[in-house]
Amino acid sequence: MTIDVHEARPSEYAEAGSVTAAAYREFVRPNDPSWEDYLARIADIGSRADRATILVATKDGRLLGSATLELDGRIDESDPPLLREEAHLRMLGVDPSARRLGVARTLMEACLSRATESGKTFMTLNTTKRMQAAQRMYESLGFVRGEDRVFPDGFVLLTYSMRIAPREEPSPATR
């Protein structure tokens, strides 16, 4: 299966947002308005496309998933500042009907490649305890758990990071 990954076009924002929100819907706890608010934020790709790189995965014209990559700054001002050498992955989601086909891994590889091209030397991401398949994938790619981020209401984000090879500059002899 050949999966195409490219930067999202404005005409794809609504579909990509819908697919990504659908991927997260299984983690919503009943009567939890904060998760419902989060799903609405995930679906609103247009609101973050000018501040982050949005990559989408497609096959035969069907949008299968998306990922948001912070390269130059944060989407949420309440998050700790992005370090100059850091790329941060957010909101990776795959259509539930397209899971276990390599879509998430393909998106991750594209994000790592884009980060490397941007001169970043490490990537960070957060996930939750409930997202166990995502944790396994991140760890299989070489991500290492860091210190959890605990919010005042007790919500816990698991923190992962991974060193990535810096982009190689051509030597003066090969330019």
N, C-alpha and C. Protein backbone atom coordinates (compact mmCIF):
# COMPACT_ATOMS: atom_id res chain seq x y z
N MET A 1 0.85 -1.18 0.00
CA MET A 1 0.00 0.00 0.00
C MET A 1 0.89 1.23 0.00
N THR A 2 0.77 2.07 -1.02
CA THR A 2 1.54 3.30 -1.09
C THR A 2 0.73 4.42 -0.47
N ILE A 3 1.31 5.01 0.55
CA ILE A 3 0.66 6.12 1.25
C ILE A 3 1.41 7.39 0.88
N ASP A 4 0.68 8.39 0.43
CA ASP A 4 1.26 9.68 0.09
C ASP A 4 1.12 10.60 1.29
N VAL A 5 2.20 11.28 1.65
CA VAL A 5 2.15 12.27 2.73
C VAL A 5 2.55 13.62 2.14
N HIS A 6 1.72 14.60 2.38
CA HIS A 6 2.01 15.95 1.90
C HIS A 6 1.44 16.98 2.87
N GLU A 7 1.88 18.22 2.69
CA GLU A 7 1.35 19.29 3.52
C GLU A 7 -0.11 19.51 3.16
N ALA A 8 -0.94 19.63 4.17
CA ALA A 8 -2.38 19.77 3.94
C ALA A 8 -2.69 21.03 3.15
N ARG A 9 -3.60 20.87 2.21
CA ARG A 9 -4.10 22.01 1.44
C ARG A 9 -5.36 22.52 2.14
N PRO A 10 -5.66 23.81 2.02
CA PRO A 10 -6.88 24.33 2.67
C PRO A 10 -8.13 23.53 2.33
N SER A 11 -8.20 23.00 1.13
CA SER A 11 -9.38 22.21 0.75
C SER A 11 -9.46 20.88 1.52
N GLU A 12 -8.37 20.49 2.19
CA GLU A 12 -8.35 19.24 2.94
C GLU A 12 -8.53 19.45 4.45
N TYR A 13 -8.52 20.69 4.91
CA TYR A 13 -8.57 20.96 6.35
C TYR A 13 -9.77 20.33 7.03
N ALA A 14 -10.96 20.50 6.47
CA ALA A 14 -12.17 19.99 7.13
C ALA A 14 -12.13 18.46 7.23
N GLU A 15 -11.77 17.80 6.12
CA GLU A 15 -11.73 16.33 6.15
C GLU A 15 -10.63 15.82 7.08
N ALA A 16 -9.47 16.45 7.04
CA ALA A 16 -8.38 16.04 7.92
C ALA A 16 -8.77 16.23 9.38
N GLY A 17 -9.42 17.33 9.68
CA GLY A 17 -9.88 17.57 11.05
C GLY A 17 -10.89 16.54 11.50
N SER A 18 -11.80 16.20 10.62
CA SER A 18 -12.82 15.20 10.94
C SER A 18 -12.20 13.83 11.19
N VAL A 19 -11.25 13.44 10.35
CA VAL A 19 -10.58 12.14 10.50
C VAL A 19 -9.78 12.11 11.80
N THR A 20 -9.08 13.19 12.09
CA THR A 20 -8.25 13.23 13.30
C THR A 20 -9.12 13.20 14.56
N ALA A 21 -10.20 13.96 14.56
CA ALA A 21 -11.10 13.92 15.71
C ALA A 21 -11.71 12.54 15.89
N ALA A 22 -12.03 11.87 14.79
CA ALA A 22 -12.59 10.51 14.88
C ALA A 22 -11.57 9.56 15.52
N ALA A 23 -10.30 9.77 15.23
CA ALA A 23 -9.26 8.92 15.81
C ALA A 23 -9.18 9.06 17.32
N TYR A 24 -9.49 10.25 17.82
CA TYR A 24 -9.40 10.51 19.26
C TYR A 24 -10.70 10.22 20.00
N ARG A 25 -11.79 10.08 19.27
CA ARG A 25 -13.11 9.94 19.91
C ARG A 25 -13.17 8.76 20.87
N GLU A 26 -12.47 7.67 20.59
CA GLU A 26 -12.53 6.49 21.47
C GLU A 26 -11.97 6.76 22.86
N PHE A 27 -11.20 7.84 23.01
CA PHE A 27 -10.58 8.15 24.30
C PHE A 27 -11.43 9.09 25.16
N VAL A 28 -12.55 9.55 24.62
CA VAL A 28 -13.42 10.46 25.36
C VAL A 28 -14.15 9.70 26.44
N ARG A 29 -14.07 10.22 27.64
CA ARG A 29 -14.84 9.63 28.74
C ARG A 29 -16.24 10.22 28.74
N PRO A 30 -17.23 9.44 29.07
CA PRO A 30 -18.60 9.96 29.09
C PRO A 30 -18.71 11.18 30.01
N ASN A 31 -19.49 12.14 29.58
CA ASN A 31 -19.75 13.36 30.35
C ASN A 31 -18.47 14.13 30.70
N ASP A 32 -17.52 14.14 29.79
CA ASP A 32 -16.27 14.89 30.00
C ASP A 32 -16.20 16.02 28.99
N PRO A 33 -16.70 17.21 29.38
CA PRO A 33 -16.74 18.33 28.43
C PRO A 33 -15.35 18.78 27.98
N SER A 34 -14.31 18.55 28.77
CA SER A 34 -12.98 18.98 28.35
C SER A 34 -12.52 18.18 27.13
N TRP A 35 -12.87 16.89 27.06
CA TRP A 35 -12.51 16.09 25.89
C TRP A 35 -13.31 16.51 24.67
N GLU A 36 -14.57 16.82 24.87
CA GLU A 36 -15.39 17.29 23.74
C GLU A 36 -14.81 18.59 23.19
N ASP A 37 -14.37 19.48 24.08
CA ASP A 37 -13.73 20.73 23.64
C ASP A 37 -12.44 20.42 22.88
N TYR A 38 -11.68 19.44 23.36
CA TYR A 38 -10.44 19.07 22.71
C TYR A 38 -10.71 18.51 21.31
N LEU A 39 -11.74 17.69 21.16
CA LEU A 39 -12.08 17.15 19.84
C LEU A 39 -12.41 18.28 18.87
N ALA A 40 -13.10 19.30 19.35
CA ALA A 40 -13.41 20.44 18.49
C ALA A 40 -12.13 21.16 18.07
N ARG A 41 -11.17 21.30 18.99
CA ARG A 41 -9.88 21.93 18.65
C ARG A 41 -9.10 21.09 17.66
N ILE A 42 -9.10 19.77 17.85
CA ILE A 42 -8.40 18.88 16.93
C ILE A 42 -8.99 19.02 15.52
N ALA A 43 -10.29 19.11 15.43
CA ALA A 43 -10.95 19.18 14.13
C ALA A 43 -10.71 20.50 13.42
N ASP A 44 -10.34 21.54 14.13
CA ASP A 44 -10.17 22.88 13.54
C ASP A 44 -8.74 23.08 13.04
N ILE A 45 -8.38 22.37 12.00
CA ILE A 45 -7.03 22.44 11.45
C ILE A 45 -6.71 23.84 10.91
N GLY A 46 -7.69 24.49 10.33
CA GLY A 46 -7.46 25.82 9.78
C GLY A 46 -6.96 26.82 10.81
N SER A 47 -7.35 26.63 12.07
CA SER A 47 -6.93 27.58 13.11
C SER A 47 -5.46 27.45 13.48
N ARG A 48 -4.83 26.33 13.12
CA ARG A 48 -3.42 26.16 13.48
C ARG A 48 -2.50 26.05 12.27
N ALA A 49 -3.06 26.00 11.08
CA ALA A 49 -2.26 25.79 9.87
C ALA A 49 -1.28 26.92 9.60
N ASP A 50 -1.55 28.10 10.09
CA ASP A 50 -0.61 29.21 9.87
C ASP A 50 0.50 29.24 10.92
N ARG A 51 0.40 28.40 11.96
CA ARG A 51 1.40 28.37 13.03
C ARG A 51 2.14 27.05 13.13
N ALA A 52 1.73 26.08 12.33
CA ALA A 52 2.34 24.75 12.39
C ALA A 52 2.26 24.11 11.00
N THR A 53 3.01 23.05 10.84
CA THR A 53 2.96 22.28 9.60
C THR A 53 1.97 21.15 9.80
N ILE A 54 0.99 21.08 8.93
CA ILE A 54 -0.02 20.03 8.99
C ILE A 54 0.26 19.06 7.84
N LEU A 55 0.59 17.83 8.18
CA LEU A 55 0.82 16.81 7.17
C LEU A 55 -0.37 15.87 7.14
N VAL A 56 -0.75 15.46 5.93
CA VAL A 56 -1.84 14.50 5.78
C VAL A 56 -1.34 13.29 5.01
N ALA A 57 -1.93 12.15 5.32
CA ALA A 57 -1.63 10.90 4.62
C ALA A 57 -2.85 10.53 3.80
N THR A 58 -2.61 10.22 2.53
CA THR A 58 -3.70 9.84 1.64
C THR A 58 -3.30 8.59 0.86
N LYS A 59 -4.31 7.89 0.41
CA LYS A 59 -4.11 6.77 -0.51
C LYS A 59 -5.27 6.77 -1.48
N ASP A 60 -4.94 6.79 -2.75
CA ASP A 60 -5.96 6.81 -3.80
C ASP A 60 -6.99 7.91 -3.58
N GLY A 61 -6.52 9.07 -3.14
CA GLY A 61 -7.39 10.22 -2.93
C GLY A 61 -8.15 10.23 -1.62
N ARG A 62 -8.03 9.18 -0.84
CA ARG A 62 -8.74 9.10 0.44
C ARG A 62 -7.82 9.59 1.55
N LEU A 63 -8.28 10.53 2.34
CA LEU A 63 -7.49 11.05 3.46
C LEU A 63 -7.59 10.06 4.62
N LEU A 64 -6.42 9.58 5.07
CA LEU A 64 -6.37 8.54 6.09
C LEU A 64 -5.94 9.03 7.46
N GLY A 65 -5.24 10.17 7.52
CA GLY A 65 -4.76 10.65 8.81
C GLY A 65 -4.02 11.96 8.66
N SER A 66 -3.69 12.54 9.80
CA SER A 66 -2.94 13.80 9.80
C SER A 66 -2.07 13.89 11.05
N ALA A 67 -1.12 14.81 10.97
CA ALA A 67 -0.25 15.12 12.10
C ALA A 67 0.06 16.60 12.05
N THR A 68 0.18 17.20 13.22
CA THR A 68 0.55 18.60 13.35
C THR A 68 1.97 18.66 13.89
N LEU A 69 2.81 19.42 13.23
CA LEU A 69 4.21 19.51 13.60
C LEU A 69 4.57 20.96 13.89
N GLU A 70 4.97 21.21 15.14
CA GLU A 70 5.42 22.54 15.53
C GLU A 70 6.92 22.62 15.27
N LEU A 71 7.31 23.53 14.40
CA LEU A 71 8.72 23.70 14.06
C LEU A 71 9.28 25.05 14.51
N ASP A 72 8.46 26.08 14.46
CA ASP A 72 8.94 27.44 14.75
C ASP A 72 8.31 28.06 15.99
N GLY A 73 7.33 27.44 16.56
CA GLY A 73 6.66 27.97 17.73
C GLY A 73 5.50 27.08 18.12
N ARG A 74 4.90 27.40 19.25
CA ARG A 74 3.79 26.61 19.79
C ARG A 74 2.45 27.08 19.25
N ILE A 75 1.54 26.15 19.16
CA ILE A 75 0.16 26.47 18.82
C ILE A 75 -0.52 27.10 20.03
N ASP A 76 -0.32 26.46 21.19
CA ASP A 76 -0.92 26.96 22.43
C ASP A 76 0.11 27.75 23.20
N GLU A 77 -0.21 29.00 23.46
CA GLU A 77 0.72 29.87 24.18
C GLU A 77 0.95 29.41 25.61
N SER A 78 0.07 28.58 26.14
CA SER A 78 0.22 28.10 27.51
C SER A 78 1.25 26.97 27.62
N ASP A 79 1.67 26.42 26.48
CA ASP A 79 2.69 25.36 26.48
C ASP A 79 4.07 25.97 26.69
N PRO A 80 4.99 25.20 27.24
CA PRO A 80 6.37 25.70 27.38
C PRO A 80 6.91 26.09 26.01
N PRO A 81 7.75 27.12 25.93
CA PRO A 81 8.28 27.55 24.64
C PRO A 81 9.01 26.42 23.92
N LEU A 82 8.92 26.45 22.61
CA LEU A 82 9.63 25.49 21.78
C LEU A 82 11.09 25.91 21.70
N LEU A 83 11.98 24.98 21.98
CA LEU A 83 13.40 25.28 21.89
C LEU A 83 13.81 25.39 20.41
N ARG A 84 14.84 26.14 20.14
CA ARG A 84 15.29 26.39 18.77
C ARG A 84 15.57 25.09 18.01
N GLU A 85 16.14 24.09 18.69
CA GLU A 85 16.51 22.84 18.03
C GLU A 85 15.43 21.76 18.13
N GLU A 86 14.26 22.12 18.65
CA GLU A 86 13.19 21.16 18.91
C GLU A 86 12.07 21.23 17.88
N ALA A 87 11.57 20.07 17.51
CA ALA A 87 10.31 19.93 16.78
C ALA A 87 9.37 19.21 17.73
N HIS A 88 8.10 19.57 17.70
CA HIS A 88 7.13 18.94 18.60
C HIS A 88 5.95 18.43 17.78
N LEU A 89 5.64 17.16 17.95
CA LEU A 89 4.53 16.52 17.26
C LEU A 89 3.26 16.64 18.09
N ARG A 90 2.17 16.95 17.41
CA ARG A 90 0.87 17.04 18.08
C ARG A 90 -0.20 16.40 17.21
N MET A 91 -1.22 15.94 17.84
CA MET A 91 -2.47 15.56 17.18
C MET A 91 -2.29 14.60 16.01
N LEU A 92 -1.50 13.57 16.19
CA LEU A 92 -1.38 12.52 15.19
C LEU A 92 -2.63 11.66 15.29
N GLY A 93 -3.33 11.52 14.20
CA GLY A 93 -4.54 10.71 14.22
C GLY A 93 -4.77 10.01 12.90
N VAL A 94 -5.25 8.78 12.97
CA VAL A 94 -5.53 7.96 11.79
C VAL A 94 -6.99 7.54 11.83
N ASP A 95 -7.63 7.61 10.69
CA ASP A 95 -9.01 7.16 10.56
C ASP A 95 -9.11 5.75 11.16
N PRO A 96 -10.04 5.53 12.09
CA PRO A 96 -10.14 4.21 12.72
C PRO A 96 -10.25 3.06 11.72
N SER A 97 -10.84 3.29 10.55
CA SER A 97 -10.98 2.21 9.56
C SER A 97 -9.68 1.95 8.80
N ALA A 98 -8.66 2.80 9.00
CA ALA A 98 -7.38 2.63 8.30
C ALA A 98 -6.24 2.29 9.25
N ARG A 99 -6.57 1.89 10.46
CA ARG A 99 -5.53 1.56 11.43
C ARG A 99 -4.85 0.25 11.08
N ARG A 100 -3.60 0.13 11.55
CA ARG A 100 -2.78 -1.07 11.38
C ARG A 100 -2.37 -1.28 9.93
N LEU A 101 -2.34 -0.18 9.16
CA LEU A 101 -1.90 -0.23 7.77
C LEU A 101 -0.59 0.54 7.57
N GLY A 102 -0.02 1.05 8.67
CA GLY A 102 1.23 1.79 8.57
C GLY A 102 1.07 3.28 8.36
N VAL A 103 -0.15 3.79 8.47
CA VAL A 103 -0.40 5.21 8.23
C VAL A 103 0.29 6.06 9.29
N ALA A 104 0.12 5.73 10.55
CA ALA A 104 0.73 6.52 11.63
C ALA A 104 2.25 6.51 11.52
N ARG A 105 2.82 5.37 11.26
CA ARG A 105 4.28 5.27 11.14
C ARG A 105 4.76 6.09 9.94
N THR A 106 4.03 6.05 8.83
CA THR A 106 4.40 6.84 7.66
C THR A 106 4.34 8.33 7.97
N LEU A 107 3.30 8.75 8.68
CA LEU A 107 3.21 10.16 9.10
C LEU A 107 4.36 10.52 10.03
N MET A 108 4.69 9.64 10.96
CA MET A 108 5.80 9.90 11.88
C MET A 108 7.11 10.05 11.12
N GLU A 109 7.36 9.16 10.17
CA GLU A 109 8.59 9.25 9.39
C GLU A 109 8.65 10.55 8.60
N ALA A 110 7.52 10.99 8.07
CA ALA A 110 7.48 12.26 7.34
C ALA A 110 7.73 13.44 8.28
N CYS A 111 7.19 13.37 9.49
CA CYS A 111 7.42 14.44 10.48
C CYS A 111 8.89 14.49 10.88
N LEU A 112 9.49 13.33 11.09
CA LEU A 112 10.92 13.29 11.44
C LEU A 112 11.77 13.84 10.30
N SER A 113 11.41 13.50 9.08
CA SER A 113 12.14 14.00 7.91
C SER A 113 12.00 15.51 7.80
N ARG A 114 10.79 16.02 7.99
CA ARG A 114 10.55 17.47 7.91
C ARG A 114 11.32 18.19 9.02
N ALA A 115 11.35 17.61 10.21
CA ALA A 115 12.10 18.22 11.31
C ALA A 115 13.59 18.27 10.99
N THR A 116 14.10 17.18 10.45
CA THR A 116 15.51 17.13 10.07
C THR A 116 15.82 18.19 9.01
N GLU A 117 14.96 18.28 8.00
CA GLU A 117 15.14 19.28 6.94
C GLU A 117 15.12 20.70 7.51
N SER A 118 14.41 20.89 8.61
CA SER A 118 14.32 22.21 9.25
C SER A 118 15.46 22.46 10.22
N GLY A 119 16.41 21.54 10.30
CA GLY A 119 17.58 21.72 11.16
C GLY A 119 17.36 21.38 12.62
N LYS A 120 16.29 20.68 12.93
CA LYS A 120 16.01 20.30 14.32
C LYS A 120 16.86 19.10 14.70
N THR A 121 17.21 19.01 15.98
CA THR A 121 18.04 17.89 16.43
C THR A 121 17.32 16.98 17.41
N PHE A 122 16.12 17.34 17.81
CA PHE A 122 15.33 16.40 18.59
C PHE A 122 13.85 16.71 18.42
N MET A 123 13.04 15.66 18.62
CA MET A 123 11.60 15.80 18.53
C MET A 123 10.98 15.38 19.85
N THR A 124 9.94 16.09 20.24
CA THR A 124 9.19 15.76 21.44
C THR A 124 7.73 15.53 21.06
N LEU A 125 7.02 14.86 21.94
CA LEU A 125 5.59 14.65 21.77
C LEU A 125 5.00 14.28 23.12
N ASN A 126 3.69 14.38 23.20
CA ASN A 126 2.97 13.96 24.39
C ASN A 126 1.86 13.02 23.98
N THR A 127 1.51 12.13 24.88
CA THR A 127 0.38 11.24 24.66
C THR A 127 -0.24 10.97 26.03
N THR A 128 -1.26 10.17 26.07
CA THR A 128 -1.90 9.85 27.34
C THR A 128 -1.74 8.37 27.64
N LYS A 129 -1.99 8.01 28.88
CA LYS A 129 -1.89 6.61 29.31
C LYS A 129 -2.83 5.71 28.52
N ARG A 130 -3.96 6.25 28.11
CA ARG A 130 -4.96 5.45 27.41
C ARG A 130 -4.53 5.11 25.98
N MET A 131 -3.61 5.85 25.41
CA MET A 131 -3.20 5.67 24.01
C MET A 131 -2.02 4.69 23.93
N GLN A 132 -2.27 3.46 24.31
CA GLN A 132 -1.21 2.47 24.43
C GLN A 132 -0.61 2.05 23.09
N ALA A 133 -1.43 1.96 22.04
CA ALA A 133 -0.88 1.61 20.72
C ALA A 133 0.07 2.70 20.25
N ALA A 134 -0.28 3.95 20.50
CA ALA A 134 0.61 5.06 20.13
C ALA A 134 1.92 4.97 20.91
N GLN A 135 1.84 4.67 22.18
CA GLN A 135 3.06 4.55 22.99
C GLN A 135 3.98 3.48 22.42
N ARG A 136 3.41 2.34 22.06
CA ARG A 136 4.23 1.26 21.50
C ARG A 136 4.90 1.70 20.20
N MET A 137 4.16 2.41 19.36
CA MET A 137 4.75 2.86 18.10
C MET A 137 5.87 3.86 18.36
N TYR A 138 5.64 4.84 19.23
CA TYR A 138 6.67 5.84 19.52
C TYR A 138 7.93 5.16 20.04
N GLU A 139 7.76 4.23 20.95
CA GLU A 139 8.92 3.53 21.53
C GLU A 139 9.64 2.70 20.47
N SER A 140 8.89 2.10 19.54
CA SER A 140 9.53 1.30 18.48
C SER A 140 10.33 2.18 17.52
N LEU A 141 9.97 3.45 17.44
CA LEU A 141 10.71 4.40 16.59
C LEU A 141 11.94 4.97 17.30
N GLY A 142 12.06 4.72 18.60
CA GLY A 142 13.22 5.22 19.34
C GLY A 142 12.92 6.34 20.31
N PHE A 143 11.67 6.71 20.47
CA PHE A 143 11.32 7.74 21.45
C PHE A 143 11.47 7.17 22.85
N VAL A 144 11.88 8.03 23.78
CA VAL A 144 12.13 7.64 25.16
C VAL A 144 11.23 8.48 26.06
N ARG A 145 10.64 7.82 27.07
CA ARG A 145 9.78 8.51 28.03
C ARG A 145 10.59 9.51 28.85
N GLY A 146 9.98 10.64 29.08
CA GLY A 146 10.55 11.65 29.95
C GLY A 146 9.63 11.85 31.14
N GLU A 147 9.76 12.99 31.76
CA GLU A 147 8.94 13.32 32.93
C GLU A 147 7.52 13.65 32.50
N ASP A 148 6.54 13.07 33.20
CA ASP A 148 5.15 13.34 32.89
C ASP A 148 4.83 14.81 33.15
N ARG A 149 3.89 15.32 32.37
CA ARG A 149 3.38 16.68 32.58
C ARG A 149 2.02 16.54 33.24
N VAL A 150 1.91 16.98 34.48
CA VAL A 150 0.68 16.84 35.25
C VAL A 150 0.03 18.22 35.39
N PHE A 151 -1.23 18.31 35.00
CA PHE A 151 -1.97 19.55 35.05
C PHE A 151 -2.66 19.71 36.40
N PRO A 152 -3.04 20.93 36.76
CA PRO A 152 -3.67 21.17 38.07
C PRO A 152 -4.90 20.30 38.33
N ASP A 153 -5.64 19.92 37.26
CA ASP A 153 -6.83 19.09 37.47
C ASP A 153 -6.50 17.60 37.56
N GLY A 154 -5.18 17.26 37.54
CA GLY A 154 -4.75 15.88 37.66
C GLY A 154 -4.53 15.17 36.33
N PHE A 155 -4.89 15.79 35.21
CA PHE A 155 -4.69 15.18 33.90
C PHE A 155 -3.20 15.02 33.64
N VAL A 156 -2.80 13.85 33.13
CA VAL A 156 -1.38 13.53 32.93
C VAL A 156 -1.10 13.34 31.44
N LEU A 157 -0.09 14.03 30.97
CA LEU A 157 0.45 13.79 29.64
C LEU A 157 1.78 13.07 29.78
N LEU A 158 1.94 11.99 29.04
CA LEU A 158 3.22 11.29 29.00
C LEU A 158 4.10 12.04 27.99
N THR A 159 5.33 12.28 28.37
CA THR A 159 6.26 13.03 27.52
C THR A 159 7.27 12.07 26.91
N TYR A 160 7.49 12.23 25.63
CA TYR A 160 8.48 11.44 24.90
C TYR A 160 9.40 12.37 24.13
N SER A 161 10.64 11.93 23.92
CA SER A 161 11.57 12.68 23.08
C SER A 161 12.50 11.72 22.36
N MET A 162 13.09 12.24 21.30
CA MET A 162 14.03 11.45 20.53
C MET A 162 15.01 12.39 19.83
N ARG A 163 16.28 12.05 19.91
CA ARG A 163 17.31 12.78 19.15
C ARG A 163 17.17 12.39 17.69
N ILE A 164 17.34 13.36 16.82
CA ILE A 164 17.32 13.09 15.39
C ILE A 164 18.60 13.65 14.78
N ALA A 165 19.03 13.02 13.72
CA ALA A 165 20.28 13.44 13.09
C ALA A 165 20.10 14.82 12.47
N PRO A 166 21.05 15.70 12.71
CA PRO A 166 20.94 17.02 12.08
C PRO A 166 21.10 16.89 10.57
N ARG A 167 20.53 17.84 9.88
CA ARG A 167 20.65 17.87 8.42
C ARG A 167 22.12 18.06 8.06
N GLU A 168 22.57 17.30 7.12
CA GLU A 168 23.97 17.40 6.71
C GLU A 168 24.11 18.51 5.67
N GLU A 169 24.99 19.43 5.94
CA GLU A 169 25.29 20.49 4.98
C GLU A 169 26.30 19.96 3.98
N PRO A 170 26.16 20.32 2.71
CA PRO A 170 27.15 19.85 1.75
C PRO A 170 28.52 20.46 2.06
N SER A 171 29.54 19.67 1.89
CA SER A 171 30.89 20.19 2.14
C SER A 171 31.26 21.15 1.03
N PRO A 172 32.18 22.08 1.29
CA PRO A 172 32.56 23.06 0.26
C PRO A 172 33.04 22.37 -1.02
N ALA A 173 33.63 21.20 -0.91
CA ALA A 173 34.15 20.51 -2.09
C ALA A 173 33.05 19.96 -2.99
N THR A 174 31.81 19.72 -2.41
CA THR A 174 30.73 19.15 -3.20
C THR A 174 29.68 20.16 -3.62
N ARG A 175 29.86 21.40 -3.26
CA ARG A 175 28.87 22.44 -3.63
C ARG A 175 28.99 22.84 -5.06
